[in-house]
Protein backbone atom coordinates (compact mmCIF):
# COMPACT_ATOMS: atom_id res chain seq x y z
CA MET A 1 -140.32 255.70 68.87
CA LYS A 2 -142.09 255.23 65.63
CA ILE A 3 -145.75 253.82 64.86
CA SER A 4 -146.08 251.92 61.35
CA PRO A 5 -148.18 249.15 59.62
CA LEU A 6 -146.90 245.78 60.19
CA ARG A 7 -144.88 244.70 57.18
CA THR A 8 -143.82 241.12 56.15
CA ASP A 9 -140.15 241.80 56.89
CA LEU A 10 -141.27 242.57 60.58
CA ILE A 11 -142.95 239.18 61.41
CA PRO A 12 -140.01 237.41 62.85
CA SER A 13 -139.84 240.24 65.28
CA VAL A 14 -143.19 240.32 66.07
CA ILE A 15 -143.58 236.83 66.66
CA THR A 16 -140.57 237.10 69.08
CA LEU A 17 -142.25 239.87 70.96
CA MET A 18 -145.80 238.01 71.14
CA GLU A 19 -144.12 234.96 72.76
CA LEU A 20 -143.03 237.21 75.68
CA GLY A 21 -146.82 237.78 76.37
CA GLU A 22 -147.53 234.08 76.91
CA PRO A 23 -149.86 232.60 78.42
CA TYR A 24 -152.02 235.62 77.71
CA ILE A 25 -151.12 236.08 74.36
CA ARG A 26 -151.44 233.12 71.97
CA THR A 27 -148.71 233.77 69.44
CA ARG A 28 -149.96 232.71 66.13
CA ALA A 29 -148.53 231.13 62.99
CA TYR A 30 -146.06 232.98 60.87
CA SER A 31 -148.96 232.57 58.04
CA ASP A 32 -151.27 234.27 60.17
CA TYR A 33 -148.83 237.26 60.75
CA TRP A 34 -148.40 237.28 56.81
CA ALA A 35 -151.98 237.83 56.23
CA TYR A 36 -152.02 240.54 59.13
CA ALA A 37 -149.21 242.59 57.09
CA GLU A 38 -150.70 242.02 53.70
CA LEU A 39 -154.43 242.23 54.43
CA PHE A 40 -154.90 244.05 57.63
CA SER A 41 -151.89 246.24 58.00
CA THR A 42 -153.96 249.55 58.70
CA THR A 43 -155.11 247.98 62.00
CA CYS A 44 -151.96 245.87 62.62
CA LEU A 45 -149.55 248.13 63.90
CA VAL A 46 -145.97 248.09 65.32
CA ALA A 47 -143.88 250.17 67.58
CA HIS A 48 -140.13 250.29 66.95
CA THR A 49 -137.17 252.21 67.86
CA SER A 50 -134.05 252.11 65.63
CA ASN A 51 -134.35 248.34 64.47
CA ASP A 52 -136.01 247.10 67.78
CA ILE A 53 -139.90 246.28 67.84
CA VAL A 54 -140.79 247.32 71.18
CA GLY A 55 -144.61 246.89 70.99
CA ALA A 56 -147.46 246.04 68.83
CA VAL A 57 -151.19 245.62 68.35
CA ILE A 58 -153.18 243.33 66.08
CA ALA A 59 -156.66 244.32 65.51
CA PHE A 60 -159.31 244.18 62.71
CA ARG A 61 -162.58 245.71 61.59
CA SER A 62 -165.54 243.76 62.26
CA GLN A 63 -167.28 242.38 59.43
CA ASP A 64 -170.54 241.89 61.51
CA ASN A 65 -170.36 245.64 62.57
CA PRO A 66 -168.01 247.81 60.72
CA ALA A 67 -168.26 250.55 63.25
CA ASP A 68 -166.42 248.40 65.45
CA ILE A 69 -162.65 247.62 65.49
CA TYR A 70 -161.98 244.23 67.42
CA VAL A 71 -158.22 244.50 69.13
CA GLN A 72 -157.05 240.96 69.16
CA ASP A 73 -153.59 241.69 70.91
CA VAL A 74 -151.42 244.44 72.46
CA MET A 75 -147.97 243.63 73.62
CA THR A 76 -145.08 245.75 74.68
CA HIS A 77 -141.91 244.59 75.53
CA PRO A 78 -141.10 244.10 78.96
CA ASP A 79 -138.08 246.19 79.10
CA HIS A 80 -140.30 248.93 77.40
CA ARG A 81 -143.22 248.78 79.93
CA ARG A 82 -144.42 252.06 81.32
CA GLN A 83 -143.27 254.28 78.42
CA GLY A 84 -146.57 254.89 76.85
CA ILE A 85 -145.99 252.23 74.02
CA SER A 86 -149.41 250.72 74.09
CA THR A 87 -150.93 254.14 74.61
CA ALA A 88 -149.40 255.19 71.44
CA LEU A 89 -150.38 251.99 69.46
CA LEU A 90 -153.90 252.52 70.58
CA THR A 91 -154.10 256.15 69.87
CA ALA A 92 -152.88 255.31 66.32
CA LEU A 93 -155.31 252.61 66.19
CA ARG A 94 -158.14 254.84 67.30
CA GLU A 95 -157.05 257.82 64.65
CA GLN A 96 -157.39 254.95 61.86
CA ALA A 97 -160.92 253.81 63.25
CA LYS A 98 -162.05 257.64 63.40
CA SER A 99 -160.93 258.06 59.84
CA TRP A 100 -163.46 255.15 58.60
CA GLY A 101 -166.12 256.50 60.78
CA CYS A 102 -165.88 253.69 63.29
CA THR A 103 -167.45 254.32 67.03
CA ARG A 104 -165.75 251.59 69.26
CA LEU A 105 -162.84 249.51 69.97
CA TYR A 106 -163.06 246.54 71.90
CA LEU A 107 -161.18 243.71 73.16
CA THR A 108 -161.37 240.69 75.80
CA SER A 109 -158.99 239.83 78.32
CA GLU A 110 -158.46 236.53 80.35
CA PRO A 111 -160.22 236.89 83.80
CA ASP A 112 -156.90 236.59 86.06
CA ASN A 113 -154.73 239.28 83.67
CA THR A 114 -154.52 241.70 86.39
CA ALA A 115 -151.91 244.19 84.66
CA ALA A 116 -154.14 244.02 81.41
CA HIS A 117 -157.33 244.93 83.29
CA ALA A 118 -155.20 248.05 84.80
CA THR A 119 -154.06 248.97 81.69
CA TRP A 120 -157.52 248.91 79.85
CA ARG A 121 -159.00 251.03 82.77
CA THR A 122 -155.94 253.74 82.57
CA LEU A 123 -156.74 254.01 78.79
CA ASP A 124 -160.46 254.81 79.49
CA PHE A 125 -161.72 251.38 78.40
CA VAL A 126 -164.87 250.37 80.11
CA ASN A 127 -165.31 246.72 81.68
CA VAL A 128 -168.47 245.51 79.84
CA ALA A 129 -171.10 243.88 81.94
CA GLY A 130 -170.96 240.33 81.83
CA ASP A 131 -172.73 237.57 83.64
CA ARG A 132 -170.54 237.17 86.80
CA ASP A 133 -167.59 238.98 88.77
CA ILE A 134 -164.41 237.62 89.58
CA ASP A 135 -162.02 239.77 91.81
CA GLY A 136 -164.02 242.77 90.76
CA VAL A 137 -163.84 242.48 86.84
CA SER A 138 -166.86 241.54 84.93
CA VAL A 139 -166.55 238.26 82.99
CA THR A 140 -168.66 236.82 80.20
CA SER A 141 -168.86 232.93 80.43
CA ASN A 142 -168.12 231.51 77.20
CA PHE A 143 -167.42 234.59 75.48
CA LYS A 144 -164.93 233.00 73.10
CA GLY A 145 -166.45 229.39 73.15
CA PRO A 146 -166.98 226.54 75.70
CA GLY A 147 -164.88 227.43 78.80
CA LYS A 148 -163.15 230.55 77.04
CA ASN A 149 -164.41 233.07 79.89
CA ARG A 150 -163.32 236.69 78.90
CA ALA A 151 -163.70 240.11 80.61
CA VAL A 152 -164.77 242.40 77.61
CA TYR A 153 -163.70 246.07 77.38
CA GLN A 154 -164.87 248.90 74.98
CA LEU A 155 -163.69 252.39 74.21
CA ASP A 156 -166.49 254.33 72.57
CA MET A 157 -165.22 257.11 70.07
């Protein structure tokens, strides 16, 4: 497996991959992925074997706090899960973040996405205290707007 920056020629494969993550991952438009590839490729990474895209991470450096990297989406193809792909993608992202002097990766997750919660804990992300608990997961109400409740996780570096 190889990790590399997102390129425009890989966009159709990344869109197909992200569609497999619904309803927890919202697939964006082609033009969004084009911007990710052209403007944010150092934090938008893909994992591939031969010609197959088996994983992707979409992340951005915060404009409010440049020491933070926000991880928007992490997706591993269902046929390739439990093979260390998410770990490899987030490790590569973490190395890039450290080279910039960043101190934190953070992400959000749907309150009912139990598989994601287990993954984040396994990868040493900490569930940030919110305003309520749902099935043992701390959740922040309206984190991404009205009715958009999210569990927030962070990894300090």
